PDB file of N, CA and C in Angstrom:
ATOM      1  N   UNK A   1      -0.671  28.115  35.639  1.00  0.00           N
ATOM      2  CA  UNK A   1      -0.666  27.936  33.801  1.00  0.00           C
ATOM      3  C   UNK A   1      -0.342  26.314  34.065  1.00  0.00           C
ATOM      4  N   UNK A   2      -0.854  25.913  32.923  1.00  0.00           N
ATOM      5  CA  UNK A   2      -1.611  24.317  32.825  1.00  0.00           C
ATOM      6  C   UNK A   2      -0.053  23.880  31.721  1.00  0.00           C
ATOM      7  N   UNK A   3       0.326  23.248  31.582  1.00  0.00           N
ATOM      8  CA  UNK A   3       0.714  22.395  30.506  1.00  0.00           C
ATOM      9  C   UNK A   3      -0.374  21.460  29.609  1.00  0.00           C
ATOM     10  N   UNK A   4      -0.213  21.716  28.014  1.00  0.00           N
ATOM     11  CA  UNK A   4      -0.690  20.521  27.331  1.00  0.00           C
ATOM     12  C   UNK A   4       0.084  20.100  26.779  1.00  0.00           C
ATOM     13  N   UNK A   5       0.194  18.744  26.690  1.00  0.00           N
ATOM     14  CA  UNK A   5       0.548  17.301  26.045  1.00  0.00           C
ATOM     15  C   UNK A   5       0.264  17.202  24.862  1.00  0.00           C
ATOM     16  N   UNK A   6       0.983  17.563  24.086  1.00  0.00           N
ATOM     17  CA  UNK A   6       0.180  16.808  23.098  1.00  0.00           C
ATOM     18  C   UNK A   6       1.303  16.185  21.737  1.00  0.00           C
ATOM     19  N   UNK A   7       0.869  15.665  20.961  1.00  0.00           N
ATOM     20  CA  UNK A   7       1.994  15.318  19.676  1.00  0.00           C
ATOM     21  C   UNK A   7       1.104  14.514  18.634  1.00  0.00           C
ATOM     22  N   UNK A   8       2.665  13.260  18.236  1.00  0.00           N
ATOM     23  CA  UNK A   8       1.278  12.136  17.233  1.00  0.00           C
ATOM     24  C   UNK A   8       2.058  10.816  17.332  1.00  0.00           C
ATOM     25  N   UNK A   9       1.204  10.083  17.163  1.00  0.00           N
ATOM     26  CA  UNK A   9       1.326   8.644  17.343  1.00  0.00           C
ATOM     27  C   UNK A   9       1.134   7.929  15.900  1.00  0.00           C
ATOM     28  N   UNK A  10       1.746   6.799  15.898  1.00  0.00           N
ATOM     29  CA  UNK A  10       1.755   5.723  14.277  1.00  0.00           C
ATOM     30  C   UNK A  10       1.200   4.732  15.011  1.00  0.00           C
ATOM     31  N   UNK A  11      -0.117   4.124  14.201  1.00  0.00           N
ATOM     32  CA  UNK A  11      -0.171   2.820  14.432  1.00  0.00           C
ATOM     33  C   UNK A  11      -0.724   2.197  13.158  1.00  0.00           C
ATOM     34  N   UNK A  12      -0.118   0.918  13.650  1.00  0.00           N
ATOM     35  CA  UNK A  12       0.048  -0.284  12.550  1.00  0.00           C
ATOM     36  C   UNK A  12      -1.015  -1.072  12.822  1.00  0.00           C
ATOM     37  N   UNK A  13      -2.421  -1.519  11.590  1.00  0.00           N
ATOM     38  CA  UNK A  13      -3.256  -2.470  12.160  1.00  0.00           C
ATOM     39  C   UNK A  13      -2.694  -4.051  10.622  1.00  0.00           C
ATOM     40  N   UNK A  14      -2.411  -4.924  10.763  1.00  0.00           N
ATOM     41  CA  UNK A  14      -2.255  -6.061   9.979  1.00  0.00           C
ATOM     42  C   UNK A  14      -3.730  -6.732   9.513  1.00  0.00           C
ATOM     43  N   UNK A  15      -3.628  -6.388   7.994  1.00  0.00           N
ATOM     44  CA  UNK A  15      -4.758  -6.900   7.538  1.00  0.00           C
ATOM     45  C   UNK A  15      -4.949  -8.188   7.137  1.00  0.00           C
ATOM     46  N   UNK A  16      -3.704  -8.718   6.639  1.00  0.00           N
ATOM     47  CA  UNK A  16      -3.695 -10.002   5.764  1.00  0.00           C
ATOM     48  C   UNK A  16      -1.860 -10.597   5.570  1.00  0.00           C
ATOM     49  N   UNK A  17      -2.123 -11.563   5.826  1.00  0.00           N
ATOM     50  CA  UNK A  17      -0.623 -12.401   5.678  1.00  0.00           C
ATOM     51  C   UNK A  17      -0.571 -12.414   4.644  1.00  0.00           C
ATOM     52  N   UNK A  18       0.904 -11.742   3.527  1.00  0.00           N
ATOM     53  CA  UNK A  18       0.914 -12.123   2.317  1.00  0.00           C
ATOM     54  C   UNK A  18       1.650 -13.210   1.424  1.00  0.00           C
ATOM     55  N   UNK A  19       2.031 -14.445   2.853  1.00  0.00           N
ATOM     56  CA  UNK A  19       2.978 -15.218   2.476  1.00  0.00           C
ATOM     57  C   UNK A  19       4.104 -14.963   2.640  1.00  0.00           C
ATOM     58  N   UNK A  20       5.268 -16.080   2.273  1.00  0.00           N
ATOM     59  CA  UNK A  20       6.325 -15.988   2.396  1.00  0.00           C
ATOM     60  C   UNK A  20       7.085 -15.496   1.548  1.00  0.00           C
ATOM     61  N   UNK A  21       7.714 -14.608   1.070  1.00  0.00           N
ATOM     62  CA  UNK A  21       8.728 -13.769  -0.016  1.00  0.00           C
ATOM     63  C   UNK A  21      10.115 -13.079   0.275  1.00  0.00           C
ATOM     64  N   UNK A  22      10.382 -12.693  -0.660  1.00  0.00           N
ATOM     65  CA  UNK A  22      11.878 -12.618  -0.461  1.00  0.00           C
ATOM     66  C   UNK A  22      11.468 -10.725  -0.299  1.00  0.00           C
ATOM     67  N   UNK A  23      12.113  -9.975   0.849  1.00  0.00           N
ATOM     68  CA  UNK A  23      12.110  -9.259   1.336  1.00  0.00           C
ATOM     69  C   UNK A  23      13.129  -8.176   0.239  1.00  0.00           C
ATOM     70  N   UNK A  24      12.404  -6.760  -0.712  1.00  0.00           N
ATOM     71  CA  UNK A  24      13.322  -6.668  -1.625  1.00  0.00           C
ATOM     72  C   UNK A  24      14.267  -5.672  -0.694  1.00  0.00           C
ATOM     73  N   UNK A  25      14.487  -4.895   0.537  1.00  0.00           N
ATOM     74  CA  UNK A  25      15.220  -4.261   1.167  1.00  0.00           C
ATOM     75  C   UNK A  25      16.369  -5.181   1.928  1.00  0.00           C
ATOM     76  N   UNK A  26      15.917  -6.410   2.590  1.00  0.00           N
ATOM     77  CA  UNK A  26      17.281  -7.036   3.470  1.00  0.00           C
ATOM     78  C   UNK A  26      17.154  -8.441   2.684  1.00  0.00           C
ATOM     79  N   UNK A  27      16.411  -8.935   1.642  1.00  0.00           N
ATOM     80  CA  UNK A  27      16.852 -10.101   0.828  1.00  0.00           C
ATOM     81  C   UNK A  27      16.868 -11.092   1.700  1.00  0.00           C
ATOM     82  N   UNK A  28      15.927 -11.299   2.550  1.00  0.00           N
ATOM     83  CA  UNK A  28      15.471 -12.513   3.592  1.00  0.00           C
ATOM     84  C   UNK A  28      14.612 -12.480   3.350  1.00  0.00           C
ATOM     85  N   UNK A  29      13.706 -14.255   3.356  1.00  0.00           N
ATOM     86  CA  UNK A  29      13.034 -14.710   2.795  1.00  0.00           C
ATOM     87  C   UNK A  29      11.991 -14.552   4.420  1.00  0.00           C
ATOM     88  N   UNK A  30      11.042 -13.554   3.960  1.00  0.00           N
ATOM     89  CA  UNK A  30       9.760 -13.810   4.598  1.00  0.00           C
ATOM     90  C   UNK A  30       8.536 -13.518   5.130  1.00  0.00           C
ATOM     91  N   UNK A  31       7.877 -13.736   6.105  1.00  0.00           N
ATOM     92  CA  UNK A  31       5.883 -13.483   5.616  1.00  0.00           C
ATOM     93  C   UNK A  31       5.837 -11.963   5.557  1.00  0.00           C
ATOM     94  N   UNK A  32       5.839 -11.749   4.873  1.00  0.00           N
ATOM     95  CA  UNK A  32       5.398 -10.288   4.207  1.00  0.00           C
ATOM     96  C   UNK A  32       3.768  -9.898   4.691  1.00  0.00           C
ATOM     97  N   UNK A  33       3.428  -8.979   5.367  1.00  0.00           N
ATOM     98  CA  UNK A  33       1.895  -8.417   5.848  1.00  0.00           C
ATOM     99  C   UNK A  33       1.817  -7.507   5.089  1.00  0.00           C
ATOM    100  N   UNK A  34       0.299  -7.459   4.711  1.00  0.00           N
ATOM    101  CA  UNK A  34      -0.368  -6.146   4.069  1.00  0.00           C
ATOM    102  C   UNK A  34      -1.042  -5.156   5.008  1.00  0.00           C
ATOM    103  N   UNK A  35      -0.495  -4.295   5.363  1.00  0.00           N
ATOM    104  CA  UNK A  35      -0.703  -3.219   6.669  1.00  0.00           C
ATOM    105  C   UNK A  35      -1.290  -1.892   6.742  1.00  0.00           C
ATOM    106  N   UNK A  36      -2.202  -1.678   7.406  1.00  0.00           N
ATOM    107  CA  UNK A  36      -2.732  -0.171   7.172  1.00  0.00           C
ATOM    108  C   UNK A  36      -1.547   0.602   8.538  1.00  0.00           C
ATOM    109  N   UNK A  37      -1.206   1.691   8.032  1.00  0.00           N
ATOM    110  CA  UNK A  37      -0.815   2.625   8.512  1.00  0.00           C
ATOM    111  C   UNK A  37      -1.068   3.641   8.661  1.00  0.00           C
ATOM    112  N   UNK A  38      -1.665   4.236   9.853  1.00  0.00           N
ATOM    113  CA  UNK A  38      -2.454   5.494  10.311  1.00  0.00           C
ATOM    114  C   UNK A  38      -1.616   6.137  11.254  1.00  0.00           C
ATOM    115  N   UNK A  39      -1.361   7.694  10.597  1.00  0.00           N
ATOM    116  CA  UNK A  39      -1.329   8.458  12.051  1.00  0.00           C
ATOM    117  C   UNK A  39      -1.652   9.226  12.522  1.00  0.00           C
ATOM    118  N   UNK A  40      -1.863   9.805  13.795  1.00  0.00           N
ATOM    119  CA  UNK A  40      -2.930  10.158  14.918  1.00  0.00           C
ATOM    120  C   UNK A  40      -2.470  11.491  15.747  1.00  0.00           C
ATOM    121  N   UNK A  41      -2.774  12.702  15.483  1.00  0.00           N
ATOM    122  CA  UNK A  41      -2.453  13.865  16.500  1.00  0.00           C
ATOM    123  C   UNK A  41      -2.869  13.377  17.605  1.00  0.00           C
ATOM    124  N   UNK A  42      -2.542  13.687  18.722  1.00  0.00           N
ATOM    125  CA  UNK A  42      -3.145  13.403  20.425  1.00  0.00           C
ATOM    126  C   UNK A  42      -2.881  14.249  21.361  1.00  0.00           C
ATOM    127  N   UNK A  43      -3.807  14.453  22.055  1.00  0.00           N
ATOM    128  CA  UNK A  43      -3.406  15.301  23.113  1.00  0.00           C
ATOM    129  C   UNK A  43      -3.767  14.736  24.296  1.00  0.00           C
ATOM    130  N   UNK A  44      -3.029  14.802  25.379  1.00  0.00           N
ATOM    131  CA  UNK A  44      -3.138  14.087  26.724  1.00  0.00           C
ATOM    132  C   UNK A  44      -3.445  12.755  26.508  1.00  0.00           C
ATOM    133  N   UNK A  45      -2.173  12.359  25.681  1.00  0.00           N
ATOM    134  CA  UNK A  45      -2.159  10.459  25.234  1.00  0.00           C
ATOM    135  C   UNK A  45      -3.641  10.096  24.693  1.00  0.00           C
ATOM    136  N   UNK A  46      -4.648  11.182  24.339  1.00  0.00           N
ATOM    137  CA  UNK A  46      -5.909  10.586  23.511  1.00  0.00           C
ATOM    138  C   UNK A  46      -5.505  10.576  21.871  1.00  0.00           C
ATOM    139  N   UNK A  47      -5.531   9.870  21.041  1.00  0.00           N
ATOM    140  CA  UNK A  47      -6.120   9.942  19.966  1.00  0.00           C
ATOM    141  C   UNK A  47      -6.990  10.846  19.322  1.00  0.00           C
ATOM    142  N   UNK A  48      -7.039  12.037  18.957  1.00  0.00           N
ATOM    143  CA  UNK A  48      -8.013  12.607  18.482  1.00  0.00           C
ATOM    144  C   UNK A  48      -8.322  12.820  16.642  1.00  0.00           C
ATOM    145  N   UNK A  49      -7.019  13.380  16.057  1.00  0.00           N
ATOM    146  CA  UNK A  49      -6.882  13.929  14.887  1.00  0.00           C
ATOM    147  C   UNK A  49      -6.281  12.940  13.709  1.00  0.00           C
ATOM    148  N   UNK A  50      -7.201  12.149  13.122  1.00  0.00           N
ATOM    149  CA  UNK A  50      -6.351  11.363  11.913  1.00  0.00           C
ATOM    150  C   UNK A  50      -5.683  12.657  11.205  1.00  0.00           C
ATOM    151  N   UNK A  51      -4.152  12.501  10.938  1.00  0.00           N
ATOM    152  CA  UNK A  51      -3.424  13.140  10.006  1.00  0.00           C
ATOM    153  C   UNK A  51      -3.156  12.728   8.701  1.00  0.00           C
ATOM    154  N   UNK A  52      -2.812  11.315   8.872  1.00  0.00           N
ATOM    155  CA  UNK A  52      -2.646  10.919   7.455  1.00  0.00           C
ATOM    156  C   UNK A  52      -2.198   9.271   7.338  1.00  0.00           C
ATOM    157  N   UNK A  53      -2.632   8.098   6.529  1.00  0.00           N
ATOM    158  CA  UNK A  53      -2.564   6.970   6.360  1.00  0.00           C
ATOM    159  C   UNK A  53      -1.980   6.443   5.218  1.00  0.00           C
ATOM    160  N   UNK A  54      -1.243   5.516   5.096  1.00  0.00           N
ATOM    161  CA  UNK A  54      -0.645   4.578   4.366  1.00  0.00           C
ATOM    162  C   UNK A  54      -1.311   3.055   4.301  1.00  0.00           C
ATOM    163  N   UNK A  55      -1.668   2.434   3.228  1.00  0.00           N
ATOM    164  CA  UNK A  55      -1.323   1.219   3.008  1.00  0.00           C
ATOM    165  C   UNK A  55      -0.197   0.669   2.612  1.00  0.00           C
ATOM    166  N   UNK A  56       0.658  -0.591   3.306  1.00  0.00           N
ATOM    167  CA  UNK A  56       1.560  -0.746   2.797  1.00  0.00           C
ATOM    168  C   UNK A  56       2.320  -2.187   3.113  1.00  0.00           C
ATOM    169  N   UNK A  57       3.147  -2.704   2.377  1.00  0.00           N
ATOM    170  CA  UNK A  57       3.767  -3.803   2.361  1.00  0.00           C
ATOM    171  C   UNK A  57       4.697  -3.935   3.559  1.00  0.00           C
ATOM    172  N   UNK A  58       4.612  -4.507   4.762  1.00  0.00           N
ATOM    173  CA  UNK A  58       5.560  -4.362   5.821  1.00  0.00           C
ATOM    174  C   UNK A  58       6.599  -5.898   5.588  1.00  0.00           C
ATOM    175  N   UNK A  59       8.026  -5.532   5.974  1.00  0.00           N
ATOM    176  CA  UNK A  59       8.656  -6.888   6.155  1.00  0.00           C
ATOM    177  C   UNK A  59       9.106  -6.890   7.903  1.00  0.00           C
ATOM    178  N   UNK A  60       8.723  -8.337   8.340  1.00  0.00           N
ATOM    179  CA  UNK A  60       8.850  -7.879   9.989  1.00  0.00           C
ATOM    180  C   UNK A  60       9.902  -7.819  10.727  1.00  0.00           C
ATOM    181  N   UNK A  61      11.127  -8.466   9.738  1.00  0.00           N
ATOM    182  CA  UNK A  61      12.470  -8.791  10.211  1.00  0.00           C
ATOM    183  C   UNK A  61      13.150  -7.420   9.644  1.00  0.00           C
ATOM    184  N   UNK A  62      12.923  -6.106   8.459  1.00  0.00           N
ATOM    185  CA  UNK A  62      13.588  -5.409   8.411  1.00  0.00           C
ATOM    186  C   UNK A  62      12.577  -3.757   9.134  1.00  0.00           C
ATOM    187  N   UNK A  63      11.252  -3.994   8.906  1.00  0.00           N
ATOM    188  CA  UNK A  63      10.700  -3.127   9.060  1.00  0.00           C
ATOM    189  C   UNK A  63      11.025  -2.317   7.963  1.00  0.00           C
ATOM    190  N   UNK A  64      10.422  -2.631   6.695  1.00  0.00           N
ATOM    191  CA  UNK A  64      10.795  -1.415   5.789  1.00  0.00           C
ATOM    192  C   UNK A  64       9.373  -1.883   5.321  1.00  0.00           C
ATOM    193  N   UNK A  65       8.359  -0.757   5.020  1.00  0.00           N
ATOM    194  CA  UNK A  65       7.263  -0.616   4.532  1.00  0.00           C
ATOM    195  C   UNK A  65       7.327  -0.263   2.778  1.00  0.00           C
ATOM    196  N   UNK A  66       7.150  -0.686   2.138  1.00  0.00           N
ATOM    197  CA  UNK A  66       6.603  -0.323   0.885  1.00  0.00           C
ATOM    198  C   UNK A  66       5.419   0.057   0.734  1.00  0.00           C
ATOM    199  N   UNK A  67       5.039   1.469   0.294  1.00  0.00           N
ATOM    200  CA  UNK A  67       3.599   1.859   0.040  1.00  0.00           C
ATOM    201  C   UNK A  67       2.668   1.617  -1.386  1.00  0.00           C
ATOM    202  N   UNK A  68       1.307   1.087  -1.162  1.00  0.00           N
ATOM    203  CA  UNK A  68       1.049   0.615  -1.570  1.00  0.00           C
ATOM    204  C   UNK A  68      -0.190   1.592  -2.466  1.00  0.00           C
ATOM    205  N   UNK A  69       0.000   1.634  -4.146  1.00  0.00           N
ATOM    206  CA  UNK A  69      -1.197   2.453  -4.829  1.00  0.00           C
ATOM    207  C   UNK A  69      -2.759   1.526  -3.988  1.00  0.00           C
ATOM    208  N   UNK A  70      -3.976   2.670  -4.234  1.00  0.00           N
ATOM    209  CA  UNK A  70      -5.124   2.062  -3.708  1.00  0.00           C
ATOM    210  C   UNK A  70      -5.107   0.589  -4.531  1.00  0.00           C
ATOM    211  N   UNK A  71      -5.085   0.462  -6.114  1.00  0.00           N
ATOM    212  CA  UNK A  71      -5.066  -0.294  -7.008  1.00  0.00           C
ATOM    213  C   UNK A  71      -4.214  -2.086  -6.328  1.00  0.00           C
ATOM    214  N   UNK A  72      -3.181  -1.650  -6.234  1.00  0.00           N
ATOM    215  CA  UNK A  72      -2.287  -2.541  -5.656  1.00  0.00           C
ATOM    216  C   UNK A  72      -2.731  -3.334  -4.656  1.00  0.00           C
ATOM    217  N   UNK A  73      -3.279  -2.155  -3.463  1.00  0.00           N
ATOM    218  CA  UNK A  73      -3.665  -2.870  -2.123  1.00  0.00           C
ATOM    219  C   UNK A  73      -4.963  -3.736  -2.158  1.00  0.00           C
ATOM    220  N   UNK A  74      -5.883  -3.059  -2.925  1.00  0.00           N
ATOM    221  CA  UNK A  74      -7.160  -4.027  -3.508  1.00  0.00           C
ATOM    222  C   UNK A  74      -6.852  -5.359  -4.188  1.00  0.00           C
ATOM    223  N   UNK A  75      -5.942  -5.430  -5.148  1.00  0.00           N
ATOM    224  CA  UNK A  75      -5.414  -6.833  -5.777  1.00  0.00           C
ATOM    225  C   UNK A  75      -5.507  -7.476  -4.672  1.00  0.00           C
ATOM    226  N   UNK A  76      -3.364  -7.128  -3.831  1.00  0.00           N
ATOM    227  CA  UNK A  76      -3.297  -7.638  -2.639  1.00  0.00           C
ATOM    228  C   UNK A  76      -4.600  -8.577  -1.901  1.00  0.00           C
ATOM    229  N   UNK A  77      -5.508  -7.685  -1.290  1.00  0.00           N
ATOM    230  CA  UNK A  77      -6.149  -7.735  -0.237  1.00  0.00           C
ATOM    231  C   UNK A  77      -7.275  -9.259  -0.840  1.00  0.00           C
ATOM    232  N   UNK A  78      -7.872  -8.276  -2.066  1.00  0.00           N
ATOM    233  CA  UNK A  78      -8.591  -9.583  -2.434  1.00  0.00           C
ATOM    234  C   UNK A  78      -7.864 -11.157  -2.773  1.00  0.00           C
ATOM    235  N   UNK A  79      -7.018 -10.942  -3.573  1.00  0.00           N
ATOM    236  CA  UNK A  79      -6.215 -11.736  -3.887  1.00  0.00           C
ATOM    237  C   UNK A  79      -5.465 -12.948  -2.625  1.00  0.00           C
TER     238      UNK A  79
END
């Protein structure tokens, strides 16, 4: 009888630096990042199934990610 190894993995891709701003969570002045977050299902550690994805503003200090609407993401990416 074989064993199937499966699970989920989160991947982050930094799109753009948003400059130095105050983080609403930790209150420190940090360089916020415009980031895409994707969750994949994997089998034997090979990502196969994209399950969900978000566009977020990420604080590198505290790790809090604020989800963005498609309109907010587009405005931040262009501006």
